[in-house]
Structure formats: C-alpha cells, structure tokens
C-alpha cells in the first residue's frame, strides 16, 4: 500500500516531470528577461516566479497528502488491522482491502488502497487524486497553465521583436539587447533558434494543460469526478454500440423479408 506520490516506486512520467520542470525554468530565465526592456522583464519575471512557486507548493501538497479512505485509515493505522469494520449506511465493502469504506471511495490498483472521493490516479504525480488532495491538484493545474501561458507569450513577443524591421531602435529592440548582452550569451541565429524552439515547446505543452484544465472545469460544473465521467462515457458508448447492432439486425432481417419485432407484435395484436 503506497502512502502518497512521494513514496517509491516512482514511475516514468513522474521522473519525466522532475526533469521537465527545471528545464522549462532554465529556458525562461535564460532566454526571456535579457532581450526585453526592464519595464517588461521585471513584471513578467515576477508573475512567472509566483506562478511557478504556487505550482510547486500545490504539486507537493497533492503528492504528500494521503488520500486514503478515512475508515480504511482508521482500520489500518489505528486499529492495526484488528477486528472487523462496521457495515453502515453510506458504506460499501471492498473485497481487496477487506474493509467497509465510503460509497464514493474506489480501490486504486496502483496505490493498492481505497481512496476517499476517488477522482483518478495521476500518473504525472504518481498518486491518487481524491477528496483530500483534489483542491491542490486543481490549483497545480491552474498555476502550471498560468506560467506556461506567460512563458509562451514572452517567447512569442521576443520572436516578433526580433523579426519586425521597424523594431530597430524602438522600445522593443530585441536584436540590440542581445548584442549588448555578455559574451557568453547566445547570439544571432543561435539565440533566435533557441527562442523559437522553446516557444514551440511551451506552446504545445500549454495546449495539453489547457485541455486538462478545461476538462476539470467542466467536471466541476457538472458536479462529477473523472471516474464518474469515464463510467458514464463508457456506458454511452455501449448503448450506442448496442443501438447500432440492433439497427443492423433489423436491416438484415428486412433484407431477408423476415418480420421485425415491431411488425410481429402488430400482427399478433390485430383481428
């Protein structure tokens, strides 16, 4: 039974997150503040830093909190697994955990426990998201969306400032700012190539996180969890397939000249 996302074993996507996060920060602070005028670089950097710190705090909280069902927690950690849990209204029995848990709790095969108010198992954080840590997960998604948006727009602004001819000698003179930078700073084609590359990476990542954010906003609007959505979507697909299968059978029966169920019923009821 895994306690939270900070406990081993770690998965590939979780390790990828640890690698990508500092990489994005390096790309921003290396390529964004220097080419911009101070009046733009300072507020953009401050907003970006606040959003990054917020996402780090929220992500850590989402990972460190144990989302285990409260009744299972009492049974395992307080009663040390002794005795039997009580069957009460609003509870269900989990045959894997061998305990009575809340009706909205679900067993996670990754964490090997029932999670209170189960939403989903997040592979990127390698922890279950439920009633106890969902608000931190959602805050992390919102803040990551925020700093990715800032970073994408900043890279885009610099690229535009580099290529627009009439920017020379004006407020947004990116080429002059790069020339005035220290000798170790990337110059000319190397600089603009890195800028475009990081802008595209941040932009594509922003699209993915935007889809996730919109998805969870819609879930909250409907008052359902990710698990509820998956179950409902699966049922809709099964109903659609069953309806299509029934239509095909009726069409085949009509081609053979056999009476359909509705026609047979009308025939029996006549006279």
Protein backbone atom coordinates (compact mmCIF):
# COMPACT_ATOMS: atom_id res chain seq x y z
CA UNK A 1 0.00 0.00 0.00
CA UNK A 2 1.59 3.27 -1.17
CA UNK A 3 1.06 6.19 1.21
CA UNK A 4 1.43 9.01 -1.34
CA UNK A 5 3.20 10.13 -4.50
CA UNK A 6 6.49 10.81 -2.70
CA UNK A 7 6.91 7.13 -1.87
CA UNK A 8 8.75 4.65 -4.09
CA UNK A 9 8.41 3.05 -6.56
CA UNK A 10 8.45 6.02 -8.91
CA UNK A 11 7.12 5.74 -12.46
CA UNK A 12 8.48 7.07 -15.76
CA UNK A 13 6.06 10.00 -16.13
CA UNK A 14 6.76 11.17 -12.58
CA UNK A 15 10.52 11.18 -13.23
CA UNK A 16 9.87 12.97 -16.54
CA UNK A 17 8.03 15.70 -14.61
CA UNK A 18 11.03 16.17 -12.32
CA UNK A 19 13.23 16.58 -15.41
CA UNK A 20 10.94 18.87 -17.45
CA UNK A 21 10.11 21.33 -14.66
CA UNK A 22 13.64 22.75 -14.15
CA UNK A 23 14.17 22.59 -17.91
CA UNK A 24 11.26 24.98 -18.53
CA UNK A 25 12.54 27.31 -15.81
CA UNK A 26 16.01 27.33 -17.35
CA UNK A 27 14.56 28.14 -20.77
CA UNK A 28 12.59 31.06 -19.37
CA UNK A 29 15.25 32.74 -17.24
CA UNK A 30 17.96 32.20 -19.86
CA UNK A 31 16.03 33.49 -22.88
CA UNK A 32 13.28 35.85 -21.68
CA UNK A 33 14.45 38.60 -19.26
CA UNK A 34 17.60 39.75 -21.10
CA UNK A 35 16.10 40.61 -24.55
CA UNK A 36 13.17 42.51 -23.02
CA UNK A 37 13.23 46.07 -21.67
CA UNK A 38 13.44 46.26 -17.87
CA UNK A 39 9.89 47.62 -17.55
CA UNK A 40 8.62 44.40 -19.18
CA UNK A 41 11.21 41.89 -17.95
CA UNK A 42 10.68 42.59 -14.23
CA UNK A 43 6.86 42.25 -14.02
CA UNK A 44 6.84 39.23 -16.36
CA UNK A 45 9.56 37.52 -14.31
CA UNK A 46 7.78 38.29 -11.02
CA UNK A 47 4.43 36.93 -12.23
CA UNK A 48 6.14 33.87 -13.70
CA UNK A 49 8.02 33.18 -10.46
CA UNK A 50 4.88 33.49 -8.31
CA UNK A 51 3.01 31.05 -10.55
CA UNK A 52 5.93 28.60 -10.54
CA UNK A 53 6.18 28.68 -6.73
CA UNK A 54 2.41 28.20 -6.45
CA UNK A 55 2.51 25.19 -8.76
CA UNK A 56 5.43 23.69 -6.82
CA UNK A 57 3.62 24.12 -3.50
CA UNK A 58 0.33 22.76 -4.84
CA UNK A 59 2.02 19.82 -6.57
CA UNK A 60 3.93 18.95 -3.41
CA UNK A 61 0.75 19.10 -1.31
CA UNK A 62 -1.14 16.93 -3.82
CA UNK A 63 1.68 14.36 -3.68
CA UNK A 64 2.33 14.41 0.07
CA UNK A 65 -1.29 14.10 1.28
CA UNK A 66 -2.52 10.55 1.75
CA UNK A 67 -5.94 10.35 0.00
CA UNK A 68 -6.87 7.05 1.69
CA UNK A 69 -10.48 6.41 2.76
CA UNK A 70 -10.99 7.59 6.35
CA UNK A 71 -12.48 4.29 7.52
CA UNK A 72 -9.70 2.26 5.92
CA UNK A 73 -7.15 4.62 7.50
CA UNK A 74 -8.66 4.00 10.93
CA UNK A 75 -8.74 0.25 10.35
CA UNK A 76 -5.13 0.02 9.10
CA UNK A 77 -3.26 2.64 11.11
CA UNK A 78 -5.25 2.99 14.33
CA UNK A 79 -6.73 -0.49 14.82
CA UNK A 80 -3.67 -2.11 13.18
CA UNK A 81 -5.96 -4.24 11.01
CA UNK A 82 -7.52 -5.96 14.04
CA UNK A 83 -11.25 -6.68 14.20
CA UNK A 84 -13.86 -6.07 11.54
CA UNK A 85 -15.04 -2.75 10.16
CA UNK A 86 -18.68 -1.81 10.70
CA UNK A 87 -21.29 -2.09 7.98
CA UNK A 88 -23.29 1.15 7.99
CA UNK A 89 -25.47 3.20 5.66
CA UNK A 90 -23.33 5.08 3.14
CA UNK A 91 -20.65 2.39 3.20
CA UNK A 92 -19.63 -0.40 0.85
CA UNK A 93 -17.34 -3.39 1.37
CA UNK A 94 -14.04 -3.55 -0.52
CA UNK A 95 -13.04 -7.17 -1.05
CA UNK A 96 -9.44 -6.18 -1.78
CA UNK A 97 -8.93 -4.01 1.31
CA UNK A 98 -11.27 -6.24 3.33
CA UNK A 99 -12.88 -3.22 4.94
CA UNK A 100 -16.04 -1.14 4.77
CA UNK A 101 -15.38 2.20 3.06
CA UNK A 102 -17.42 5.20 1.89
CA UNK A 103 -19.71 4.71 -1.10
CA UNK A 104 -17.75 7.25 -3.15
CA UNK A 105 -14.43 5.56 -2.39
CA UNK A 106 -12.82 3.42 -5.07
CA UNK A 107 -9.94 0.95 -4.94
CA UNK A 108 -6.81 2.02 -6.84
CA UNK A 109 -4.75 -0.85 -8.22
CA UNK A 110 -1.66 1.38 -8.41
CA UNK A 111 -1.75 2.52 -4.78
CA UNK A 112 -3.39 -0.72 -3.55
CA UNK A 113 -5.92 1.04 -1.33
CA UNK A 114 -9.37 2.64 -1.38
CA UNK A 115 -9.28 6.40 -1.96
CA UNK A 116 -11.84 8.71 -0.35
CA UNK A 117 -13.87 10.55 -3.03
CA UNK A 118 -11.77 8.92 -5.77
CA UNK A 119 -11.25 11.09 -8.86
CA UNK A 120 -8.36 9.46 -10.72
CA UNK A 121 -4.80 8.21 -10.39
CA UNK A 122 -2.47 10.89 -11.75
CA UNK A 123 0.48 9.24 -13.50
CA UNK A 124 2.42 12.53 -13.69
CA UNK A 125 2.33 12.88 -9.88
CA UNK A 126 2.16 9.12 -9.32
CA UNK A 127 -0.53 9.46 -6.69
CA UNK A 128 -4.29 9.12 -6.40
CA UNK A 129 -6.37 12.29 -6.53
CA UNK A 130 -9.37 12.25 -4.22
CA UNK A 131 -11.39 14.27 -1.74
CA UNK A 132 -8.40 15.18 0.44
CA UNK A 133 -5.98 16.44 -2.24
CA UNK A 134 -8.11 17.36 -5.28
CA UNK A 135 -8.06 21.10 -4.50
CA UNK A 136 -4.24 21.09 -4.55
CA UNK A 137 -4.19 19.10 -7.78
CA UNK A 138 -6.56 21.59 -9.42
CA UNK A 139 -4.52 24.55 -8.11
CA UNK A 140 -1.39 22.96 -9.57
CA UNK A 141 -3.10 22.59 -12.97
CA UNK A 142 -4.25 26.24 -12.91
CA UNK A 143 -0.87 27.63 -11.88
CA UNK A 144 1.01 25.49 -14.44
CA UNK A 145 -1.39 26.77 -17.09
CA UNK A 146 -0.60 30.31 -15.89
CA UNK A 147 3.19 30.16 -16.11
CA UNK A 148 3.10 28.24 -19.39
CA UNK A 149 0.86 30.96 -20.83
CA UNK A 150 3.27 33.67 -19.61
CA UNK A 151 6.28 31.79 -20.99
CA UNK A 152 4.68 31.11 -24.39
CA UNK A 153 3.58 34.74 -24.81
CA UNK A 154 7.00 36.03 -23.70
CA UNK A 155 8.85 33.84 -26.22
CA UNK A 156 6.39 34.92 -28.92
CA UNK A 157 6.87 38.60 -28.11
CA UNK A 158 10.65 38.28 -28.34
CA UNK A 159 10.49 36.41 -31.66
CA UNK A 160 8.22 39.11 -33.10
CA UNK A 161 10.55 41.82 -31.78
CA UNK A 162 13.50 40.08 -33.43
CA UNK A 163 12.00 39.82 -36.92
CA UNK A 164 9.98 43.05 -37.19
CA UNK A 165 12.15 45.52 -39.08
CA UNK A 166 10.67 48.67 -37.58
CA UNK A 167 11.55 47.47 -34.07
CA UNK A 168 15.10 48.68 -34.63
CA UNK A 169 15.96 51.45 -32.21
CA UNK A 170 12.49 51.35 -30.61
CA UNK A 171 11.18 50.24 -27.24
CA UNK A 172 11.28 46.53 -28.20
CA UNK A 173 14.70 46.31 -29.87
CA UNK A 174 15.49 42.64 -29.22
CA UNK A 175 18.49 42.42 -31.54
CA UNK A 176 20.22 45.37 -29.87
CA UNK A 177 19.51 43.93 -26.41
CA UNK A 178 21.07 40.61 -27.43
CA UNK A 179 24.11 42.39 -28.86
CA UNK A 180 24.55 44.31 -25.61
CA UNK A 181 24.43 41.13 -23.54
CA UNK A 182 27.57 39.48 -22.21
CA UNK A 183 29.94 37.47 -24.38
CA UNK A 184 28.65 34.12 -23.09
CA UNK A 185 25.07 34.95 -24.06
CA UNK A 186 23.82 33.13 -27.24
CA UNK A 187 23.93 35.42 -30.26
CA UNK A 188 22.37 35.80 -33.70
CA UNK A 189 20.93 32.61 -35.20
CA UNK A 190 21.64 30.50 -32.13
CA UNK A 191 19.64 32.88 -29.94
CA UNK A 192 16.59 33.12 -32.20
CA UNK A 193 16.68 29.36 -32.87
CA UNK A 194 16.58 28.66 -29.12
CA UNK A 195 13.85 31.25 -28.66
CA UNK A 196 11.63 29.70 -31.36
CA UNK A 197 12.34 26.18 -30.12
CA UNK A 198 11.37 27.00 -26.52
CA UNK A 199 8.35 28.96 -27.67
CA UNK A 200 7.07 25.94 -29.62
CA UNK A 201 7.76 23.54 -26.73
CA UNK A 202 5.97 25.81 -24.26
CA UNK A 203 3.10 26.34 -26.70
CA UNK A 204 2.46 22.66 -27.34
CA UNK A 205 2.66 21.93 -23.61
CA UNK A 206 0.24 24.81 -22.99
CA UNK A 207 -2.28 23.23 -25.37
CA UNK A 208 -2.14 19.95 -23.41
CA UNK A 209 -2.51 21.59 -19.99
CA UNK A 210 -5.34 23.79 -21.33
CA UNK A 211 -7.26 20.67 -22.37
CA UNK A 212 -6.75 19.22 -18.89
CA UNK A 213 -7.85 22.45 -17.21
CA UNK A 214 -10.99 22.78 -19.36
CA UNK A 215 -11.82 19.11 -18.71
CA UNK A 216 -11.72 19.56 -14.92
CA UNK A 217 -13.60 22.86 -15.06
CA UNK A 218 -16.40 21.04 -16.91
CA UNK A 219 -16.31 18.21 -14.36
CA UNK A 220 -16.74 20.68 -11.52
CA UNK A 221 -19.57 22.40 -13.38
CA UNK A 222 -21.37 19.05 -13.72
CA UNK A 223 -20.52 18.02 -10.16
CA UNK A 224 -18.90 14.72 -11.15
CA UNK A 225 -15.45 13.14 -10.84
CA UNK A 226 -13.13 11.88 -13.56
CA UNK A 227 -14.12 8.33 -12.58
CA UNK A 228 -17.82 9.18 -12.94
CA UNK A 229 -17.12 10.69 -16.36
CA UNK A 230 -15.26 7.58 -17.55
CA UNK A 231 -18.05 5.29 -16.33
CA UNK A 232 -20.72 7.47 -17.97
CA UNK A 233 -18.78 7.76 -21.21
CA UNK A 234 -18.28 4.00 -21.30
CA UNK A 235 -21.98 3.41 -20.76
CA UNK A 236 -22.86 5.84 -23.55
CA UNK A 237 -20.51 4.03 -25.94
CA UNK A 238 -22.00 0.64 -25.02
CA UNK A 239 -25.53 1.99 -25.51
CA UNK A 240 -24.54 3.45 -28.87
CA UNK A 241 -22.95 0.16 -29.98
CA UNK A 242 -25.99 -1.80 -28.81
CA UNK A 243 -28.30 0.54 -30.70
CA UNK A 244 -26.19 0.25 -33.86
CA UNK A 245 -26.10 -3.54 -33.50
CA UNK A 246 -29.89 -3.68 -33.14
CA UNK A 247 -30.32 -1.43 -36.20
CA UNK A 248 -28.05 -3.71 -38.25
CA UNK A 249 -30.03 -6.78 -37.22
CA UNK A 250 -33.31 -5.12 -38.16
CA UNK A 251 -31.83 -4.05 -41.51
CA UNK A 252 -30.60 -7.58 -42.24
CA UNK A 253 -33.98 -9.02 -41.24
CA UNK A 254 -35.73 -6.58 -43.55
CA UNK A 255 -33.47 -7.62 -46.45
CA UNK A 256 -34.32 -11.29 -45.86
CA UNK A 257 -38.01 -10.42 -45.74
CA UNK A 258 -38.33 -11.52 -42.15
CA UNK A 259 -40.75 -9.52 -39.93
CA UNK A 260 -39.19 -7.23 -37.40
CA UNK A 261 -40.10 -7.45 -33.72
CA UNK A 262 -42.40 -4.43 -34.04
CA UNK A 263 -44.14 -5.87 -37.10
CA UNK A 264 -44.60 -9.26 -35.42
CA UNK A 265 -46.15 -7.58 -32.39
CA UNK A 266 -48.59 -5.64 -34.57
CA UNK A 267 -49.57 -8.83 -36.38
CA UNK A 268 -50.36 -10.67 -33.17
CA UNK A 269 -52.39 -7.79 -31.83
CA UNK A 270 -54.55 -7.42 -34.96
CA UNK A 271 -58.00 -9.02 -35.57
